[in-house]
Amino acid sequence: MGKEYRINLTKRYNVTFVKDGVKYKTGDEVSVGMALASKFYAEDKIEATNELINDARALGCEELFTKRKSAKKDTV
């Protein structure tokens, strides 16, 4: 099992896609919950808004919205 986080399941956040996904394209603005926003953020599909980061910090889960080093390495 992975690490557990306290997240807000009721509040919606307006995010803008910066990378095409399956359903949403670059520039699309959608309203999502914190859990889905963290998934999109981990996939580099959105940029986290100040509101989202501040709420995550207040709940102690800002780690979900910080850049991580990619585990993938380019191979020749």
N, C-alpha and C. Protein backbone atom coordinates (compact mmCIF):
# COMPACT_ATOMS: atom_id res chain seq x y z
N MET A 1 0.83 -1.19 0.00
CA MET A 1 0.00 0.00 0.00
C MET A 1 0.87 1.24 0.00
N GLY A 2 0.36 2.27 -0.64
CA GLY A 2 1.06 3.54 -0.71
C GLY A 2 0.79 4.39 0.51
N LYS A 3 1.34 5.55 0.49
CA LYS A 3 1.16 6.50 1.58
C LYS A 3 -0.26 7.04 1.57
N GLU A 4 -0.81 7.30 2.74
CA GLU A 4 -2.16 7.84 2.84
C GLU A 4 -2.10 9.36 3.05
N TYR A 5 -3.06 10.06 2.44
CA TYR A 5 -3.13 11.52 2.55
C TYR A 5 -4.53 11.94 2.95
N ARG A 6 -4.62 13.06 3.67
CA ARG A 6 -5.91 13.70 3.92
C ARG A 6 -6.14 14.65 2.76
N ILE A 7 -7.23 14.45 2.02
CA ILE A 7 -7.55 15.34 0.92
C ILE A 7 -9.00 15.77 1.00
N ASN A 8 -9.30 16.88 0.37
CA ASN A 8 -10.66 17.41 0.34
C ASN A 8 -11.40 16.72 -0.81
N LEU A 9 -12.46 15.97 -0.49
CA LEU A 9 -13.20 15.23 -1.51
C LEU A 9 -14.39 16.00 -2.06
N THR A 10 -14.72 17.13 -1.45
CA THR A 10 -15.93 17.85 -1.85
C THR A 10 -15.66 19.10 -2.69
N LYS A 11 -14.56 19.78 -2.44
CA LYS A 11 -14.28 21.02 -3.15
C LYS A 11 -13.80 20.73 -4.57
N ARG A 12 -14.23 21.57 -5.51
CA ARG A 12 -13.84 21.45 -6.91
C ARG A 12 -12.86 22.57 -7.25
N TYR A 13 -11.91 22.25 -8.12
CA TYR A 13 -10.89 23.21 -8.53
C TYR A 13 -10.91 23.34 -10.05
N ASN A 14 -10.85 24.57 -10.53
CA ASN A 14 -10.76 24.80 -11.97
C ASN A 14 -9.30 24.69 -12.37
N VAL A 15 -9.01 23.76 -13.27
CA VAL A 15 -7.65 23.56 -13.75
C VAL A 15 -7.64 23.63 -15.27
N THR A 16 -6.50 23.99 -15.81
CA THR A 16 -6.34 24.08 -17.26
C THR A 16 -5.30 23.06 -17.70
N PHE A 17 -5.63 22.31 -18.71
CA PHE A 17 -4.71 21.30 -19.22
C PHE A 17 -3.60 21.95 -20.02
N VAL A 18 -2.36 21.50 -19.76
CA VAL A 18 -1.20 21.99 -20.49
C VAL A 18 -0.63 20.92 -21.42
N LYS A 19 -1.25 19.75 -21.37
CA LYS A 19 -0.81 18.62 -22.19
C LYS A 19 -2.05 17.81 -22.55
N ASP A 20 -2.13 17.33 -23.77
CA ASP A 20 -3.28 16.56 -24.20
C ASP A 20 -3.42 15.27 -23.39
N GLY A 21 -4.66 14.96 -23.05
CA GLY A 21 -4.98 13.70 -22.40
C GLY A 21 -5.89 12.90 -23.31
N VAL A 22 -6.52 11.86 -22.78
CA VAL A 22 -7.42 11.04 -23.58
C VAL A 22 -8.68 11.82 -23.90
N LYS A 23 -9.28 12.43 -22.88
CA LYS A 23 -10.54 13.15 -23.08
C LYS A 23 -10.35 14.65 -23.25
N TYR A 24 -9.39 15.22 -22.52
CA TYR A 24 -9.19 16.67 -22.54
C TYR A 24 -7.96 17.03 -23.35
N LYS A 25 -8.02 18.17 -23.98
CA LYS A 25 -6.92 18.65 -24.82
C LYS A 25 -6.30 19.90 -24.20
N THR A 26 -5.11 20.25 -24.65
CA THR A 26 -4.40 21.42 -24.17
C THR A 26 -5.29 22.66 -24.25
N GLY A 27 -5.37 23.39 -23.14
CA GLY A 27 -6.19 24.60 -23.09
C GLY A 27 -7.58 24.38 -22.52
N ASP A 28 -8.03 23.13 -22.44
CA ASP A 28 -9.35 22.85 -21.86
C ASP A 28 -9.34 23.18 -20.38
N GLU A 29 -10.38 23.86 -19.91
CA GLU A 29 -10.51 24.18 -18.50
C GLU A 29 -11.63 23.32 -17.93
N VAL A 30 -11.32 22.58 -16.87
CA VAL A 30 -12.29 21.68 -16.27
C VAL A 30 -12.29 21.86 -14.76
N SER A 31 -13.35 21.40 -14.13
CA SER A 31 -13.49 21.44 -12.68
C SER A 31 -13.33 20.02 -12.15
N VAL A 32 -12.33 19.82 -11.30
CA VAL A 32 -12.04 18.48 -10.77
C VAL A 32 -11.82 18.54 -9.27
N GLY A 33 -11.92 17.40 -8.63
CA GLY A 33 -11.63 17.28 -7.21
C GLY A 33 -10.13 17.18 -6.98
N MET A 34 -9.72 17.26 -5.73
CA MET A 34 -8.31 17.24 -5.39
C MET A 34 -7.63 15.93 -5.78
N ALA A 35 -8.32 14.80 -5.62
CA ALA A 35 -7.73 13.51 -5.93
C ALA A 35 -7.43 13.40 -7.43
N LEU A 36 -8.38 13.77 -8.26
CA LEU A 36 -8.16 13.70 -9.70
C LEU A 36 -7.13 14.74 -10.15
N ALA A 37 -7.14 15.90 -9.52
CA ALA A 37 -6.14 16.93 -9.85
C ALA A 37 -4.74 16.41 -9.56
N SER A 38 -4.56 15.68 -8.46
CA SER A 38 -3.23 15.16 -8.14
C SER A 38 -2.80 14.11 -9.15
N LYS A 39 -3.74 13.33 -9.66
CA LYS A 39 -3.42 12.34 -10.69
C LYS A 39 -2.99 13.03 -11.97
N PHE A 40 -3.76 14.02 -12.41
CA PHE A 40 -3.42 14.77 -13.62
C PHE A 40 -2.07 15.49 -13.45
N TYR A 41 -1.82 16.02 -12.25
CA TYR A 41 -0.57 16.71 -11.98
C TYR A 41 0.61 15.75 -12.06
N ALA A 42 0.45 14.56 -11.51
CA ALA A 42 1.52 13.56 -11.55
C ALA A 42 1.83 13.15 -12.98
N GLU A 43 0.83 13.22 -13.85
CA GLU A 43 1.01 12.88 -15.27
C GLU A 43 1.45 14.08 -16.09
N ASP A 44 1.73 15.21 -15.44
CA ASP A 44 2.15 16.47 -16.09
C ASP A 44 1.12 16.99 -17.09
N LYS A 45 -0.15 16.76 -16.82
CA LYS A 45 -1.20 17.21 -17.74
C LYS A 45 -1.77 18.57 -17.33
N ILE A 46 -1.60 18.96 -16.06
CA ILE A 46 -2.07 20.26 -15.58
C ILE A 46 -0.98 20.92 -14.76
N GLU A 47 -1.12 22.21 -14.55
CA GLU A 47 -0.31 22.94 -13.59
C GLU A 47 -1.19 23.19 -12.37
N ALA A 48 -0.63 23.01 -11.18
CA ALA A 48 -1.40 23.22 -9.96
C ALA A 48 -1.63 24.72 -9.74
N THR A 49 -2.86 25.08 -9.38
CA THR A 49 -3.18 26.48 -9.10
C THR A 49 -2.77 26.82 -7.66
N ASN A 50 -2.65 28.10 -7.37
CA ASN A 50 -2.31 28.54 -6.02
C ASN A 50 -3.35 28.06 -5.01
N GLU A 51 -4.61 28.13 -5.39
CA GLU A 51 -5.69 27.69 -4.50
C GLU A 51 -5.53 26.21 -4.15
N LEU A 52 -5.24 25.42 -5.14
CA LEU A 52 -5.06 23.98 -4.95
C LEU A 52 -3.87 23.69 -4.05
N ILE A 53 -2.76 24.34 -4.30
CA ILE A 53 -1.56 24.13 -3.49
C ILE A 53 -1.78 24.59 -2.06
N ASN A 54 -2.43 25.75 -1.87
CA ASN A 54 -2.68 26.25 -0.52
C ASN A 54 -3.60 25.32 0.25
N ASP A 55 -4.65 24.81 -0.39
CA ASP A 55 -5.55 23.87 0.28
C ASP A 55 -4.83 22.57 0.62
N ALA A 56 -3.99 22.10 -0.28
CA ALA A 56 -3.22 20.87 -0.03
C ALA A 56 -2.26 21.08 1.14
N ARG A 57 -1.64 22.25 1.18
CA ARG A 57 -0.71 22.56 2.28
C ARG A 57 -1.46 22.57 3.62
N ALA A 58 -2.65 23.14 3.63
CA ALA A 58 -3.45 23.21 4.86
C ALA A 58 -3.85 21.81 5.34
N LEU A 59 -4.03 20.89 4.40
CA LEU A 59 -4.41 19.52 4.75
C LEU A 59 -3.20 18.61 4.97
N GLY A 60 -2.01 19.11 4.68
CA GLY A 60 -0.80 18.32 4.86
C GLY A 60 -0.50 17.37 3.72
N CYS A 61 -1.05 17.65 2.54
CA CYS A 61 -0.80 16.76 1.40
C CYS A 61 -0.18 17.51 0.22
N GLU A 62 0.58 18.59 0.51
CA GLU A 62 1.18 19.36 -0.57
C GLU A 62 2.19 18.55 -1.38
N GLU A 63 2.65 17.44 -0.81
CA GLU A 63 3.56 16.54 -1.51
C GLU A 63 2.96 16.03 -2.83
N LEU A 64 1.64 15.98 -2.89
CA LEU A 64 0.98 15.52 -4.12
C LEU A 64 1.13 16.52 -5.26
N PHE A 65 1.47 17.76 -4.95
CA PHE A 65 1.56 18.81 -5.96
C PHE A 65 2.95 19.43 -6.05
N THR A 66 3.98 18.63 -5.76
CA THR A 66 5.35 19.06 -5.95
C THR A 66 5.95 18.20 -7.06
N LYS A 67 6.83 18.78 -7.82
CA LYS A 67 7.43 18.05 -8.94
C LYS A 67 8.31 16.92 -8.41
N ARG A 68 8.16 15.77 -9.03
CA ARG A 68 8.98 14.61 -8.68
C ARG A 68 9.92 14.33 -9.84
N LYS A 69 11.07 13.76 -9.52
CA LYS A 69 11.98 13.35 -10.58
C LYS A 69 11.39 12.11 -11.24
N SER A 70 11.48 12.06 -12.53
CA SER A 70 10.94 10.93 -13.27
C SER A 70 11.78 9.68 -13.00
N ALA A 71 11.10 8.56 -12.85
CA ALA A 71 11.78 7.29 -12.62
C ALA A 71 12.32 6.73 -13.94
N LYS A 72 11.79 7.22 -15.04
CA LYS A 72 12.22 6.72 -16.34
C LYS A 72 13.52 7.41 -16.75
N LYS A 73 14.41 6.63 -17.33
CA LYS A 73 15.66 7.19 -17.87
C LYS A 73 15.71 6.83 -19.34
N ASP A 74 16.26 7.74 -20.12
CA ASP A 74 16.41 7.48 -21.54
C ASP A 74 17.46 6.42 -21.76
N THR A 75 17.12 5.45 -22.58
CA THR A 75 18.08 4.40 -22.90
C THR A 75 18.42 4.48 -24.38
N VAL A 76 19.64 4.07 -24.69
CA VAL A 76 20.09 4.14 -26.08
C VAL A 76 20.01 2.78 -26.70
